[in-house]
Amino acid sequence: MILNLPFIFFLLLFLRLRCSSLPLPPHPQPRPLQLTSLVLPLKTQRVAPIPGNTLNKLPFRHNVSLTVSLSVGTPPQNISMVLDTGSELSWLNCNSSSSSSAARFFDLARSASYSPYPCDSPTCTSRTRDFPIPTSCDPARHCHATLSYADASSSEGTLASDTFYFGSNNLTGLAFGCMGSVYSTNAEEDAKSTGLMGMNRGSLSFISQMGFPKFSYCISSSDFSGLLLLGEVNLTSSPSIQLNYTPLIQISTPLPYFDRVAYTVRLEGIKVNDVLLPLPESILVPDHTGAGQTMVDSGAQFSFLLGPVYSVLKTEYTRQTEGTLRLLDDPNFVFQGAMDLCYRVPANQTGMPELPSVSLVFSGAEMRVPGDRVLYRVPDGGAGDPVHCMSFGNADLLGIEAFVIGHHHQQNVWMEFDLQNSRIGLASVRCDLAGERFGLLDNIHRNSR
């Protein structure tokens, strides 16, 4: 596909669904699945590192994404979608004339069940809190969809519906964006997947349309695989797994910098090993504009902290690693545009020294990131010894007015998104064994032990 998926996951700036008043026949509504749960393999997909041999400021991009394979259309076409809890409208690349021979796309002309939304359909015309921007119509009088992201990438197409297949089950009339006009900076990376699976709390998200009260996923740190479970999961078969819940924060009043359909939690503190950072409570909560919310986002690879908080974390982490790690002596080097605490690790060094962990403390729960995951090896660090950077970035450098918790720090954590009770559950697990442990999958991950 053309739109740079790994580059734009973590922040959806706006979605426009525009229409005119021309009357067209009613559009079929989605039919919720009558199932208690569905289990899908979740693949952690690496993309190629940036070519080049310079150790300068790297372009901001992600090199890992979470993909789910399924089918869509009549007859079914195999697709892969990136799992993104930070976005609402799911979309597929419908551009069959992509310049990349490897590009994957959904051929709407081959699907007998494909149906574009007319301009006067309630889905297109409703001005809800999800879509406050006035709507309009494309020349064919179909509902026009425009997606724009923080990196200036964009995509345009038609709001449509089709049948999506999950194994032997299917969901008819599921709304998505069929995108034919896209702008991106890296077409080759975008060819890795067919589209994006929006999973936030908005009315048009994948999980909302399917009607499940909750979903869970578990990401392995060892074999780049995992599982996505839609619906209920029985954890009683594994008494050692105890979910700790943190409530989702909801604000009813529209605020300019607050995403009301994101999975927002209350960040109460940050620890480096057992040292609680000296952060005032006011700096961790949204201000009167909504800036400063903490979002759990599977579409972001890494995590980002507002500038003042990032500076305090950087200072304490540097103090605790002094004499253990050698700082990178290059003030111009900023990994992915936001991570400037980096180290040179000798290539002949056998393994990393014991490193301090970083824990994110929420109301009622805690996410501990072990030391070996706090640092991330830069894919292309140039000549010389490898470069490792702290995997928490400075959100201010990216123009993000929020704390974002990416999937790199969610590895080996069972993540349950309980929409019915408005909370998120966390539990430390071995995600490479999760399928077997919970009796959900019979043969997944057997070779990873």
Protein backbone atom coordinates (compact mmCIF):
# COMPACT_ATOMS: atom_id res chain seq x y z
CA MET A 1 0.00 0.00 0.00
CA ILE A 2 1.12 3.59 -0.44
CA LEU A 3 0.27 5.20 2.89
CA ASN A 4 3.16 4.75 5.29
CA LEU A 5 1.45 2.62 7.98
CA PRO A 6 4.30 2.24 10.50
CA PHE A 7 4.92 5.97 10.21
CA ILE A 8 1.47 7.21 11.19
CA PHE A 9 -0.14 4.79 13.62
CA PHE A 10 0.11 6.53 16.92
CA LEU A 11 -1.82 9.74 16.26
CA LEU A 12 -5.01 10.16 14.22
CA LEU A 13 -5.51 13.90 13.86
CA PHE A 14 -8.86 13.98 12.15
CA LEU A 15 -11.34 12.01 10.09
CA ARG A 16 -13.72 13.65 7.63
CA LEU A 17 -16.83 11.94 6.37
CA ARG A 18 -18.51 14.34 3.97
CA CYS A 19 -21.83 14.10 2.14
CA SER A 20 -24.52 15.96 0.24
CA SER A 21 -28.27 15.80 0.64
CA LEU A 22 -28.98 13.74 -2.50
CA PRO A 23 -31.29 10.84 -1.58
CA LEU A 24 -30.03 7.31 -2.30
CA PRO A 25 -31.27 3.86 -1.27
CA PRO A 26 -30.66 2.87 2.38
CA HIS A 27 -27.39 1.16 3.17
CA PRO A 28 -27.23 -2.22 4.94
CA GLN A 29 -26.26 -2.02 8.60
CA PRO A 30 -23.63 -4.34 10.14
CA ARG A 31 -24.88 -7.47 11.84
CA PRO A 32 -22.99 -8.18 15.11
CA LEU A 33 -21.41 -11.59 15.46
CA GLN A 34 -23.36 -13.97 17.70
CA LEU A 35 -20.24 -15.42 19.30
CA THR A 36 -18.65 -15.26 22.73
CA SER A 37 -15.09 -15.00 21.42
CA LEU A 38 -12.77 -15.22 18.44
CA VAL A 39 -9.02 -15.86 18.46
CA LEU A 40 -6.71 -14.59 15.71
CA PRO A 41 -2.93 -14.99 15.39
CA LEU A 42 -1.13 -11.68 15.82
CA LYS A 43 2.07 -11.27 13.85
CA THR A 44 4.83 -8.88 14.81
CA GLN A 45 6.18 -7.78 11.46
CA ARG A 46 9.60 -6.26 10.96
CA VAL A 47 10.31 -3.99 8.04
CA ALA A 48 13.69 -3.29 6.51
CA PRO A 49 15.99 -0.77 8.24
CA ILE A 50 16.64 2.59 6.62
CA PRO A 51 19.43 2.29 4.02
CA GLY A 52 22.50 4.44 4.41
CA ASN A 53 25.63 4.61 6.52
CA THR A 54 25.33 7.94 8.30
CA LEU A 55 24.73 8.27 12.02
CA ASN A 56 22.83 11.52 11.77
CA LYS A 57 19.28 12.29 12.82
CA LEU A 58 17.16 9.40 11.55
CA PRO A 59 13.76 10.05 9.99
CA PHE A 60 10.90 9.31 12.33
CA ARG A 61 9.49 5.87 11.49
CA HIS A 62 8.59 2.56 13.09
CA ASN A 63 10.21 -0.69 12.01
CA VAL A 64 7.76 -3.07 13.69
CA SER A 65 4.00 -3.36 13.30
CA LEU A 66 1.32 -5.75 14.56
CA THR A 67 -0.65 -7.42 11.76
CA VAL A 68 -3.75 -9.62 11.70
CA SER A 69 -4.63 -11.80 8.71
CA LEU A 70 -8.25 -12.25 7.62
CA SER A 71 -10.42 -12.17 4.48
CA VAL A 72 -12.90 -9.71 3.01
CA GLY A 73 -15.34 -9.64 0.11
CA THR A 74 -17.35 -12.14 -1.96
CA PRO A 75 -15.52 -14.27 -2.94
CA PRO A 76 -13.10 -13.71 -0.01
CA GLN A 77 -9.80 -11.97 -0.65
CA ASN A 78 -6.93 -12.51 1.79
CA ILE A 79 -5.75 -9.33 3.50
CA SER A 80 -3.58 -8.26 6.43
CA MET A 81 -4.43 -5.34 8.68
CA VAL A 82 -2.34 -3.49 11.23
CA LEU A 83 -3.86 -3.56 14.72
CA ASP A 84 -4.23 0.04 15.91
CA THR A 85 -6.00 0.89 19.16
CA GLY A 86 -5.26 4.56 18.46
CA SER A 87 -7.46 4.84 15.35
CA GLU A 88 -11.16 4.53 14.62
CA LEU A 89 -12.05 3.96 10.99
CA SER A 90 -10.51 0.79 9.55
CA TRP A 91 -9.38 1.09 5.95
CA LEU A 92 -8.04 -0.95 3.07
CA ASN A 93 -5.86 0.03 0.16
CA CYS A 94 -8.15 -0.13 -2.86
CA ASN A 95 -5.61 1.34 -5.27
CA SER A 96 -4.88 -1.42 -7.79
CA SER A 97 -2.54 0.85 -9.76
CA SER A 98 0.10 1.13 -7.02
CA SER A 99 3.60 1.73 -8.35
CA SER A 100 4.94 -1.03 -6.11
CA SER A 101 4.67 -4.51 -7.60
CA ALA A 102 4.58 -5.93 -4.08
CA ALA A 103 1.72 -3.72 -2.92
CA ARG A 104 -1.30 -5.49 -1.45
CA PHE A 105 -4.74 -4.13 -2.19
CA PHE A 106 -8.40 -5.02 -1.96
CA ASP A 107 -10.02 -5.36 -5.40
CA LEU A 108 -13.49 -3.95 -4.83
CA ALA A 109 -14.54 -4.82 -8.41
CA ARG A 110 -14.18 -8.52 -7.60
CA SER A 111 -16.44 -8.39 -4.53
CA ALA A 112 -20.18 -8.89 -5.06
CA SER A 113 -20.85 -7.79 -1.46
CA TYR A 114 -18.97 -4.46 -1.67
CA SER A 115 -21.31 -1.52 -1.11
CA PRO A 116 -20.37 2.19 -0.89
CA TYR A 117 -22.28 4.35 1.57
CA PRO A 118 -24.55 6.93 -0.06
CA CYS A 119 -24.22 10.56 0.95
CA ASP A 120 -27.50 10.66 2.84
CA SER A 121 -26.88 7.53 4.92
CA PRO A 122 -27.08 8.10 8.70
CA THR A 123 -23.49 6.92 9.09
CA CYS A 124 -22.30 9.63 6.73
CA THR A 125 -24.55 12.49 7.78
CA SER A 126 -24.51 12.11 11.56
CA ARG A 127 -22.45 14.77 13.28
CA THR A 128 -21.43 12.92 16.42
CA ARG A 129 -18.54 13.61 18.74
CA ASP A 130 -16.50 11.26 16.51
CA PHE A 131 -17.06 13.29 13.34
CA PRO A 132 -17.70 16.94 14.16
CA ILE A 133 -16.43 18.20 10.79
CA PRO A 134 -19.12 18.92 8.14
CA THR A 135 -19.51 16.12 5.63
CA SER A 136 -19.63 16.09 1.84
CA CYS A 137 -19.93 13.87 -1.20
CA ASP A 138 -17.69 12.58 -3.95
CA PRO A 139 -18.69 12.99 -7.62
CA ALA A 140 -20.48 9.62 -7.58
CA ARG A 141 -22.62 10.76 -4.61
CA HIS A 142 -20.84 8.33 -2.30
CA CYS A 143 -19.72 9.25 1.22
CA HIS A 144 -16.20 10.63 0.97
CA ALA A 145 -13.59 9.72 3.60
CA THR A 146 -10.35 11.61 4.25
CA LEU A 147 -7.71 10.54 6.75
CA SER A 148 -4.81 12.79 7.75
CA TYR A 149 -2.01 11.98 10.19
CA ALA A 150 0.69 13.70 12.19
CA ASP A 151 3.42 13.13 9.60
CA ALA A 152 1.39 14.84 6.82
CA SER A 153 0.52 11.47 5.29
CA SER A 154 -3.04 11.30 4.03
CA SER A 155 -5.52 9.00 2.33
CA GLU A 156 -8.81 9.57 0.55
CA GLY A 157 -11.49 7.23 -0.61
CA THR A 158 -15.03 6.01 -0.12
CA LEU A 159 -16.79 4.96 3.06
CA ALA A 160 -18.08 1.50 2.19
CA SER A 161 -19.06 -1.83 3.69
CA ASP A 162 -18.36 -5.46 2.91
CA THR A 163 -18.27 -8.89 4.52
CA PHE A 164 -15.25 -9.67 6.72
CA TYR A 165 -14.33 -13.29 7.49
CA PHE A 166 -12.75 -14.59 10.69
CA GLY A 167 -12.06 -18.29 10.15
CA SER A 168 -15.47 -19.91 9.60
CA ASN A 169 -17.33 -16.83 10.88
CA ASN A 170 -18.22 -13.65 9.04
CA LEU A 171 -19.51 -10.15 9.73
CA THR A 172 -21.64 -8.60 7.01
CA GLY A 173 -22.00 -4.88 6.40
CA LEU A 174 -18.87 -3.79 8.29
CA ALA A 175 -17.99 -0.17 7.48
CA PHE A 176 -14.46 0.72 6.39
CA GLY A 177 -12.62 3.18 4.19
CA CYS A 178 -11.83 1.95 0.69
CA MET A 179 -8.88 4.22 -0.08
CA GLY A 180 -7.86 4.91 -3.64
CA SER A 181 -5.89 8.16 -3.34
CA VAL A 182 -3.03 8.17 -0.88
CA TYR A 183 0.06 10.19 -0.07
CA SER A 184 3.04 8.62 1.66
CA THR A 185 6.78 8.89 2.09
CA ASN A 186 7.62 5.18 1.83
CA ALA A 187 5.59 3.08 -0.60
CA GLU A 188 7.76 -0.02 -0.18
CA GLU A 189 7.00 -0.32 3.54
CA ASP A 190 3.32 0.26 2.95
CA ALA A 191 3.23 -2.76 0.66
CA LYS A 192 3.68 -5.01 3.71
CA SER A 193 0.00 -4.80 4.70
CA THR A 194 -3.37 -4.19 3.07
CA GLY A 195 -4.72 -1.69 5.57
CA LEU A 196 -5.40 -0.72 9.14
CA MET A 197 -7.77 -2.16 11.77
CA GLY A 198 -9.04 0.73 13.90
CA MET A 199 -9.81 -0.51 17.42
CA ASN A 200 -10.51 2.56 19.55
CA ARG A 201 -13.84 3.32 21.28
CA GLY A 202 -15.39 5.23 18.37
CA SER A 203 -18.67 4.07 16.87
CA LEU A 204 -17.07 3.02 13.57
CA SER A 205 -14.13 1.13 15.04
CA PHE A 206 -13.75 -2.54 14.26
CA ILE A 207 -14.48 -3.69 17.80
CA SER A 208 -17.52 -1.39 18.16
CA GLN A 209 -19.09 -2.65 14.96
CA MET A 210 -18.47 -6.28 15.90
CA GLY A 211 -20.31 -5.79 19.18
CA PHE A 212 -17.85 -7.56 21.49
CA PRO A 213 -17.71 -6.14 25.04
CA LYS A 214 -13.95 -6.58 25.26
CA PHE A 215 -10.83 -7.69 23.42
CA SER A 216 -7.35 -8.76 24.46
CA TYR A 217 -3.96 -9.23 22.89
CA CYS A 218 -0.59 -10.59 23.95
CA ILE A 219 2.66 -9.71 22.16
CA SER A 220 5.70 -11.97 22.38
CA SER A 221 9.14 -10.45 22.84
CA SER A 222 10.99 -13.52 21.59
CA ASP A 223 9.42 -14.92 18.41
CA PHE A 224 7.58 -11.91 16.96
CA SER A 225 4.15 -13.44 17.23
CA GLY A 226 1.16 -13.28 19.52
CA LEU A 227 -2.59 -13.52 19.59
CA LEU A 228 -5.61 -11.25 19.40
CA LEU A 229 -8.76 -12.37 21.21
CA LEU A 230 -12.09 -10.71 20.49
CA GLY A 231 -14.56 -11.32 23.32
CA GLU A 232 -14.32 -13.11 26.66
CA VAL A 233 -11.32 -15.12 27.88
CA ASN A 234 -11.31 -17.42 30.88
CA LEU A 235 -8.19 -16.78 32.94
CA THR A 236 -9.21 -19.14 35.76
CA SER A 237 -7.34 -21.98 34.06
CA SER A 238 -4.12 -20.12 34.87
CA PRO A 239 -4.31 -19.04 38.53
CA SER A 240 -0.86 -17.44 38.34
CA ILE A 241 -2.25 -14.79 35.98
CA GLN A 242 -3.90 -11.97 37.87
CA LEU A 243 -5.22 -9.01 35.92
CA ASN A 244 -4.87 -5.64 37.57
CA TYR A 245 -7.33 -3.09 36.25
CA THR A 246 -6.95 0.61 35.68
CA PRO A 247 -10.04 2.67 34.80
CA LEU A 248 -10.41 4.45 31.48
CA ILE A 249 -10.62 8.21 31.79
CA GLN A 250 -13.58 9.81 30.06
CA ILE A 251 -14.25 13.51 29.53
CA SER A 252 -17.64 14.44 28.12
CA THR A 253 -16.78 18.06 27.29
CA PRO A 254 -15.05 18.53 23.92
CA LEU A 255 -11.49 19.78 24.39
CA PRO A 256 -9.10 20.74 21.58
CA TYR A 257 -6.29 18.33 22.53
CA PHE A 258 -8.21 15.45 24.11
CA ASP A 259 -9.11 12.37 22.06
CA ARG A 260 -12.36 11.20 23.66
CA VAL A 261 -12.44 7.82 21.90
CA ALA A 262 -8.84 6.86 22.77
CA TYR A 263 -7.99 4.39 25.53
CA THR A 264 -6.99 6.99 28.10
CA VAL A 265 -5.65 5.91 31.50
CA ARG A 266 -4.45 7.79 34.57
CA LEU A 267 -0.64 7.90 34.79
CA GLU A 268 0.28 8.45 38.43
CA GLY A 269 4.05 8.09 38.35
CA ILE A 270 7.18 6.63 36.76
CA LYS A 271 9.89 4.60 38.48
CA VAL A 272 13.44 3.76 37.43
CA ASN A 273 14.09 0.53 39.31
CA ASP A 274 12.55 1.44 42.66
CA VAL A 275 13.19 5.17 42.45
CA LEU A 276 9.97 7.14 41.98
CA LEU A 277 10.63 10.16 39.79
CA PRO A 278 9.94 13.53 41.50
CA LEU A 279 7.02 14.56 39.29
CA PRO A 280 4.22 16.86 40.40
CA GLU A 281 0.76 15.33 40.03
CA SER A 282 -0.39 18.19 37.82
CA ILE A 283 2.11 17.34 35.09
CA LEU A 284 0.63 13.84 34.58
CA VAL A 285 -3.01 14.81 34.09
CA PRO A 286 -4.73 16.60 31.18
CA ASP A 287 -4.88 20.37 31.47
CA HIS A 288 -7.84 22.61 30.60
CA THR A 289 -7.19 22.10 26.86
CA GLY A 290 -7.03 18.30 27.15
CA ALA A 291 -3.28 18.20 26.52
CA GLY A 292 -1.49 15.62 28.63
CA GLN A 293 -3.78 12.60 28.35
CA THR A 294 -2.15 9.14 28.53
CA MET A 295 -3.15 6.89 25.61
CA VAL A 296 -2.54 3.15 25.20
CA ASP A 297 -1.79 2.77 21.49
CA SER A 298 -0.88 -0.51 19.78
CA GLY A 299 -0.23 1.44 16.58
CA ALA A 300 2.78 3.18 18.11
CA GLN A 301 5.92 1.12 18.42
CA PHE A 302 7.54 3.12 21.23
CA SER A 303 6.29 5.31 24.07
CA PHE A 304 6.42 9.08 24.25
CA LEU A 305 6.39 11.38 27.26
CA LEU A 306 5.77 15.11 27.45
CA GLY A 307 9.02 17.05 27.47
CA PRO A 308 9.32 17.93 31.19
CA VAL A 309 8.58 14.32 32.22
CA TYR A 310 10.96 12.93 29.61
CA SER A 311 13.74 15.18 30.94
CA VAL A 312 13.30 13.90 34.50
CA LEU A 313 13.32 10.27 33.29
CA LYS A 314 16.40 10.91 31.17
CA THR A 315 18.26 12.45 34.11
CA GLU A 316 17.51 9.58 36.51
CA TYR A 317 18.23 6.87 33.94
CA THR A 318 21.56 8.53 33.10
CA ARG A 319 22.43 8.68 36.81
CA GLN A 320 21.68 5.00 37.34
CA THR A 321 23.64 3.87 34.27
CA GLU A 322 26.68 6.10 34.86
CA GLY A 323 29.82 3.99 34.67
CA THR A 324 27.87 1.09 33.12
CA LEU A 325 27.07 2.45 29.68
CA ARG A 326 29.00 4.82 27.43
CA LEU A 327 26.93 7.78 26.24
CA LEU A 328 26.86 8.44 22.51
CA ASP A 329 28.99 11.52 21.95
CA ASP A 330 26.89 13.09 19.20
CA PRO A 331 24.51 15.90 20.17
CA ASN A 332 22.92 15.87 16.70
CA PHE A 333 21.78 12.26 16.87
CA VAL A 334 18.09 11.80 17.68
CA PHE A 335 16.64 8.36 16.98
CA GLN A 336 13.25 8.59 15.24
CA GLY A 337 13.14 12.29 15.91
CA ALA A 338 12.34 11.94 19.61
CA MET A 339 14.90 9.75 21.41
CA ASP A 340 18.16 11.51 22.22
CA LEU A 341 19.45 9.37 25.10
CA CYS A 342 21.66 6.90 23.25
CA TYR A 343 24.69 4.77 24.05
CA ARG A 344 27.59 3.12 22.23
CA VAL A 345 27.84 -0.56 23.13
CA PRO A 346 31.10 -2.27 22.08
CA ALA A 347 30.50 -4.81 19.31
CA ASN A 348 32.79 -7.32 21.02
CA GLN A 349 30.87 -7.05 24.30
CA THR A 350 29.16 -10.33 25.22
CA GLY A 351 25.67 -9.31 26.24
CA MET A 352 24.35 -6.19 27.88
CA PRO A 353 25.06 -5.33 31.52
CA GLU A 354 22.19 -5.45 33.99
CA LEU A 355 20.11 -2.37 33.27
CA PRO A 356 17.49 -0.56 35.37
CA SER A 357 13.84 -1.19 34.61
CA VAL A 358 11.28 1.56 34.01
CA SER A 359 7.78 1.19 35.46
CA LEU A 360 4.70 3.14 34.46
CA VAL A 361 2.43 3.44 37.49
CA PHE A 362 -1.28 3.73 36.73
CA SER A 363 -4.27 3.99 39.00
CA GLY A 364 -4.70 0.38 40.15
CA ALA A 365 -2.07 -1.20 37.89
CA GLU A 366 1.58 -1.00 36.89
CA MET A 367 3.46 -1.76 33.67
CA ARG A 368 7.07 -2.75 34.30
CA VAL A 369 9.44 -2.51 31.35
CA PRO A 370 12.49 -4.70 32.04
CA GLY A 371 15.95 -3.28 31.47
CA ASP A 372 16.61 -5.23 28.29
CA ARG A 373 13.54 -3.61 26.71
CA VAL A 374 14.19 -0.07 27.91
CA LEU A 375 17.09 0.21 25.47
CA TYR A 376 16.52 -0.45 21.76
CA ARG A 377 19.22 -1.16 19.22
CA VAL A 378 19.09 1.32 16.37
CA PRO A 379 18.62 -0.60 13.10
CA ASP A 380 21.15 1.56 11.23
CA GLY A 381 23.61 3.12 13.62
CA GLY A 382 26.30 3.78 11.04
CA ALA A 383 29.90 2.68 11.25
CA GLY A 384 31.47 1.67 14.52
CA ASP A 385 29.97 0.08 17.62
CA PRO A 386 26.19 -0.50 17.72
CA VAL A 387 23.97 2.27 19.06
CA HIS A 388 21.23 1.62 21.63
CA CYS A 389 18.71 4.31 22.54
CA MET A 390 16.23 4.60 25.38
CA SER A 391 12.87 3.49 23.96
CA PHE A 392 10.97 6.37 25.59
CA GLY A 393 10.83 9.47 23.41
CA ASN A 394 10.23 13.18 23.90
CA ALA A 395 6.70 13.88 22.66
CA ASP A 396 7.45 17.61 22.43
CA LEU A 397 9.94 16.97 19.63
CA LEU A 398 7.13 15.39 17.59
CA GLY A 399 4.51 17.98 18.40
CA ILE A 400 2.39 15.47 20.35
CA GLU A 401 0.33 16.89 23.21
CA ALA A 402 -0.06 13.54 24.99
CA PHE A 403 1.64 10.61 26.66
CA VAL A 404 1.59 7.59 24.31
CA ILE A 405 2.27 4.00 25.41
CA GLY A 406 3.40 1.93 22.43
CA HIS A 407 3.39 -1.81 21.84
CA HIS A 408 7.15 -2.23 22.46
CA HIS A 409 6.47 -1.70 26.15
CA GLN A 410 3.40 -3.94 26.07
CA GLN A 411 5.39 -7.06 25.20
CA ASN A 412 4.81 -10.02 27.53
CA VAL A 413 1.82 -8.22 29.03
CA TRP A 414 -1.69 -9.59 28.66
CA MET A 415 -3.64 -6.49 27.60
CA GLU A 416 -7.41 -6.63 28.12
CA PHE A 417 -9.55 -3.76 26.85
CA ASP A 418 -12.83 -4.03 28.72
CA LEU A 419 -15.23 -1.69 26.93
CA GLN A 420 -18.26 -2.79 28.95
CA ASN A 421 -16.69 -1.83 32.28
CA SER A 422 -14.55 0.99 30.88
CA ARG A 423 -11.18 -0.32 32.08
CA ILE A 424 -7.93 -1.93 30.94
CA GLY A 425 -6.52 -5.06 32.57
CA LEU A 426 -2.80 -5.86 32.67
CA ALA A 427 -0.96 -9.03 33.67
CA SER A 428 2.65 -10.11 33.14
CA VAL A 429 2.75 -13.34 31.10
CA ARG A 430 4.90 -15.33 28.70
CA CYS A 431 3.11 -14.32 25.52
CA ASP A 432 4.90 -16.91 23.42
CA LEU A 433 3.10 -19.54 25.51
CA ALA A 434 -0.16 -17.67 25.97
CA GLY A 435 -2.12 -19.66 23.39
CA GLU A 436 -1.32 -22.98 25.01
CA ARG A 437 -1.61 -21.71 28.59
CA PHE A 438 -5.12 -20.37 28.15
CA GLY A 439 -6.28 -23.26 25.98
CA LEU A 440 -7.09 -20.88 23.15
CA LEU A 441 -4.82 -22.25 20.43
CA ASP A 442 -3.56 -25.80 20.08
CA ASN A 443 -0.47 -25.38 17.99
CA ILE A 444 0.63 -21.75 18.04
CA HIS A 445 4.08 -20.91 19.41
CA ARG A 446 5.05 -24.55 20.14
CA ASN A 447 8.42 -24.02 18.50
CA SER A 448 9.23 -20.94 20.55
CA ARG A 449 9.96 -22.74 23.80
